[in-house]
Amino acid sequence: MDSHAQDEQQVVWAVVRSEIGPLMLAATPDGLVNVVFHATEAVRDRALERLAARLGAAPVEDPDAPVLAEAIGQLRAYFAGERHDFDLPLDWSLISGFNRQVLRELAAGVPYGTVVGYGDLAGRVGQPGGAQAVGAAMGANPLPVVVPCHRVVESDGGIGGFGGGLETKRKLLALEGVLPEPLF
């Protein structure tokens, strides 16, 4: 395989510190493909193994890769309150079908500082009564924060679940002004 073909398949990754803990970012030539919460060494290693198996290429650490450098800059601006929308190429290859449809609607239709109920989001994609399926799609989101699954809440006002943990969800919603900042 020539070096150009290797570049086409390359998966790059980096860990960035954030207000919600370390995040591992991974990208392909098509765009950002994965964001992983609580990226301790053990969590990162498991995520890299899964990516290698799913994408067919061993990820290479490269925080200076253009798509990662841009994602890191945009995430830092988001956590600083200076950015409300992400403008990044996204690689949706880790998710398909209904889950992809729901996540694309979430990314396009639920702006910063707002929330949507699981059932409401199900209705937006033509599946009224599909709140539980939407919950499963949120749990399968390979691009949390950038594709803002933290903005999906229960219709009764409950915060709902979150793959990054409820405290992380609260922090993200507080950052966006949806919830008050924690007192301590």
Protein backbone atom coordinates (compact mmCIF):
# COMPACT_ATOMS: atom_id res chain seq x y z
CA MET A 1 0.00 0.00 0.00
CA ASP A 2 1.43 3.40 -0.90
CA SER A 3 1.71 6.20 1.66
CA HIS A 4 -1.26 8.07 0.14
CA ALA A 5 -3.51 5.05 0.70
CA GLN A 6 -2.24 4.80 4.28
CA ASP A 7 -3.09 8.48 4.83
CA GLU A 8 -6.61 7.87 3.50
CA GLN A 9 -7.24 5.25 6.21
CA GLN A 10 -5.39 6.89 9.08
CA VAL A 11 -7.17 7.41 12.37
CA VAL A 12 -5.59 10.06 14.59
CA TRP A 13 -6.30 10.81 18.23
CA ALA A 14 -5.46 13.17 21.07
CA VAL A 15 -6.52 13.77 24.65
CA VAL A 16 -7.60 17.25 25.67
CA ARG A 17 -8.19 18.52 29.19
CA SER A 18 -11.58 20.10 29.78
CA GLU A 19 -13.83 21.37 32.54
CA ILE A 20 -15.55 17.97 32.53
CA GLY A 21 -12.32 15.96 32.63
CA PRO A 22 -10.06 14.57 29.93
CA LEU A 23 -11.69 13.96 26.55
CA MET A 24 -10.21 11.70 23.91
CA LEU A 25 -10.86 12.89 20.38
CA ALA A 26 -10.36 10.70 17.31
CA ALA A 27 -10.64 11.60 13.65
CA THR A 28 -10.44 10.04 10.22
CA PRO A 29 -9.81 11.87 6.94
CA ASP A 30 -13.62 12.36 6.81
CA GLY A 31 -13.78 14.22 10.14
CA LEU A 32 -14.13 13.86 13.88
CA VAL A 33 -15.31 10.29 14.54
CA ASN A 34 -15.24 9.85 18.32
CA VAL A 35 -15.26 11.82 21.58
CA VAL A 36 -14.69 9.78 24.74
CA PHE A 37 -15.41 11.05 28.27
CA HIS A 38 -13.16 10.45 31.29
CA ALA A 39 -10.21 9.51 29.08
CA THR A 40 -7.92 8.03 31.68
CA GLU A 41 -5.22 5.76 30.28
CA ALA A 42 -7.35 2.63 30.72
CA VAL A 43 -10.46 4.22 29.16
CA ARG A 44 -8.38 5.62 26.31
CA ASP A 45 -6.73 2.26 25.61
CA ARG A 46 -10.11 0.47 25.44
CA ALA A 47 -11.49 3.18 23.15
CA LEU A 48 -8.46 2.92 20.85
CA GLU A 49 -8.87 -0.86 20.63
CA ARG A 50 -12.56 -0.46 19.71
CA LEU A 51 -11.71 2.17 17.08
CA ALA A 52 -9.03 -0.04 15.53
CA ALA A 53 -11.47 -2.94 15.33
CA ARG A 54 -14.34 -0.83 13.92
CA LEU A 55 -12.33 1.31 11.49
CA GLY A 56 -9.70 -1.20 10.41
CA ALA A 57 -6.73 1.04 11.21
CA ALA A 58 -4.64 1.42 14.34
CA PRO A 59 -5.14 4.97 15.67
CA VAL A 60 -2.05 7.17 15.86
CA GLU A 61 -1.62 9.92 18.45
CA ASP A 62 -1.38 13.23 16.58
CA PRO A 63 -2.84 16.28 18.36
CA ASP A 64 -1.45 18.49 15.58
CA ALA A 65 -3.51 16.77 12.86
CA PRO A 66 -5.60 19.58 11.34
CA VAL A 67 -9.05 18.19 12.21
CA LEU A 68 -7.97 17.43 15.79
CA ALA A 69 -6.27 20.79 16.26
CA GLU A 70 -9.45 22.50 15.06
CA ALA A 71 -11.67 20.34 17.28
CA ILE A 72 -9.46 21.03 20.31
CA GLY A 73 -9.63 24.77 19.65
CA GLN A 74 -13.40 24.72 19.23
CA LEU A 75 -13.89 22.64 22.40
CA ARG A 76 -11.71 25.03 24.40
CA ALA A 77 -13.76 27.97 23.08
CA TYR A 78 -16.99 26.13 23.95
CA PHE A 79 -15.88 25.48 27.53
CA ALA A 80 -14.75 29.11 27.82
CA GLY A 81 -18.26 30.21 26.82
CA GLU A 82 -16.96 31.76 23.58
CA ARG A 83 -18.47 29.25 21.13
CA HIS A 84 -22.02 27.97 20.96
CA ASP A 85 -21.86 25.89 17.77
CA PHE A 86 -19.30 23.45 16.46
CA ASP A 87 -18.21 23.79 12.86
CA LEU A 88 -16.32 20.57 12.29
CA PRO A 89 -16.46 17.85 9.66
CA LEU A 90 -18.00 14.78 11.29
CA ASP A 91 -17.43 11.15 10.34
CA TRP A 92 -20.69 9.33 11.08
CA SER A 93 -19.30 5.87 10.26
CA LEU A 94 -19.57 4.55 13.84
CA ILE A 95 -23.36 4.92 13.86
CA SER A 96 -26.10 4.09 11.38
CA GLY A 97 -29.83 3.76 10.82
CA PHE A 98 -32.27 5.27 13.30
CA ASN A 99 -29.49 6.26 15.71
CA ARG A 100 -27.73 8.28 13.02
CA GLN A 101 -31.00 9.91 11.96
CA VAL A 102 -31.75 10.96 15.55
CA LEU A 103 -28.23 12.28 16.18
CA ARG A 104 -28.22 14.30 12.95
CA GLU A 105 -31.55 15.87 13.94
CA LEU A 106 -30.17 16.61 17.39
CA ALA A 107 -27.05 18.25 15.96
CA ALA A 108 -29.03 20.36 13.49
CA GLY A 109 -32.17 21.12 15.45
CA VAL A 110 -31.37 21.61 19.14
CA PRO A 111 -29.27 24.74 19.59
CA TYR A 112 -27.03 25.78 22.44
CA GLY A 113 -28.91 26.72 25.60
CA THR A 114 -32.02 24.68 24.77
CA VAL A 115 -33.22 21.19 25.58
CA VAL A 116 -35.57 18.72 23.94
CA GLY A 117 -37.48 15.79 25.40
CA TYR A 118 -36.72 12.24 24.31
CA GLY A 119 -40.29 11.89 23.00
CA ASP A 120 -40.18 15.23 21.20
CA LEU A 121 -36.99 14.24 19.44
CA ALA A 122 -38.56 10.92 18.46
CA GLY A 123 -41.47 12.82 16.93
CA ARG A 124 -39.09 15.04 14.96
CA VAL A 125 -37.71 11.98 13.18
CA GLY A 126 -41.13 10.51 12.49
CA GLN A 127 -41.20 8.00 15.35
CA PRO A 128 -43.76 9.27 17.86
CA GLY A 129 -43.69 7.01 20.86
CA GLY A 130 -40.02 6.24 20.25
CA ALA A 131 -38.64 7.95 23.35
CA GLN A 132 -36.84 4.82 24.56
CA ALA A 133 -35.25 4.31 21.15
CA VAL A 134 -34.07 7.93 21.26
CA GLY A 135 -32.57 7.23 24.69
CA ALA A 136 -30.69 4.29 23.19
CA ALA A 137 -29.45 6.51 20.36
CA MET A 138 -28.17 9.04 22.89
CA GLY A 139 -26.32 6.27 24.71
CA ALA A 140 -24.72 5.17 21.42
CA ASN A 141 -23.61 8.71 20.46
CA PRO A 142 -19.95 8.45 19.39
CA LEU A 143 -19.60 12.27 19.35
CA PRO A 144 -20.91 13.59 22.69
CA VAL A 145 -20.59 17.33 23.40
CA VAL A 146 -20.13 18.06 19.68
CA VAL A 147 -23.40 16.23 18.91
CA PRO A 148 -25.10 17.50 22.08
CA CYS A 149 -26.88 14.51 23.63
CA HIS A 150 -26.64 16.33 26.96
CA ARG A 151 -29.47 18.56 25.67
CA VAL A 152 -31.96 15.67 25.65
CA VAL A 153 -34.03 15.46 28.84
CA GLU A 154 -37.12 13.74 30.19
CA SER A 155 -40.50 15.24 29.33
CA ASP A 156 -41.35 15.62 33.02
CA GLY A 157 -38.36 17.88 33.54
CA GLY A 158 -36.00 15.18 34.80
CA ILE A 159 -32.43 15.32 33.59
CA GLY A 160 -32.48 11.78 32.12
CA GLY A 161 -29.44 9.58 31.72
CA PHE A 162 -26.03 10.33 30.27
CA GLY A 163 -23.09 8.20 29.17
CA GLY A 164 -20.62 10.66 30.68
CA GLY A 165 -22.40 10.56 34.05
CA LEU A 166 -25.11 12.79 35.44
CA GLU A 167 -22.65 15.25 37.01
CA THR A 168 -21.07 15.78 33.59
CA LYS A 169 -24.52 16.35 32.05
CA ARG A 170 -25.34 18.87 34.77
CA LYS A 171 -22.07 20.73 34.16
CA LEU A 172 -22.70 20.92 30.41
CA LEU A 173 -26.28 22.13 30.90
CA ALA A 174 -25.08 24.70 33.47
CA LEU A 175 -22.40 25.90 31.04
CA GLU A 176 -25.14 26.47 28.46
CA GLY A 177 -27.35 28.29 31.00
CA VAL A 178 -30.06 25.62 31.09
CA LEU A 179 -29.36 24.70 34.74
CA PRO A 180 -27.98 26.87 37.51
CA GLU A 181 -24.29 26.44 38.35
CA PRO A 182 -23.76 23.95 41.19
CA LEU A 183 -23.40 25.69 44.56
CA PHE A 184 -20.38 23.59 45.50
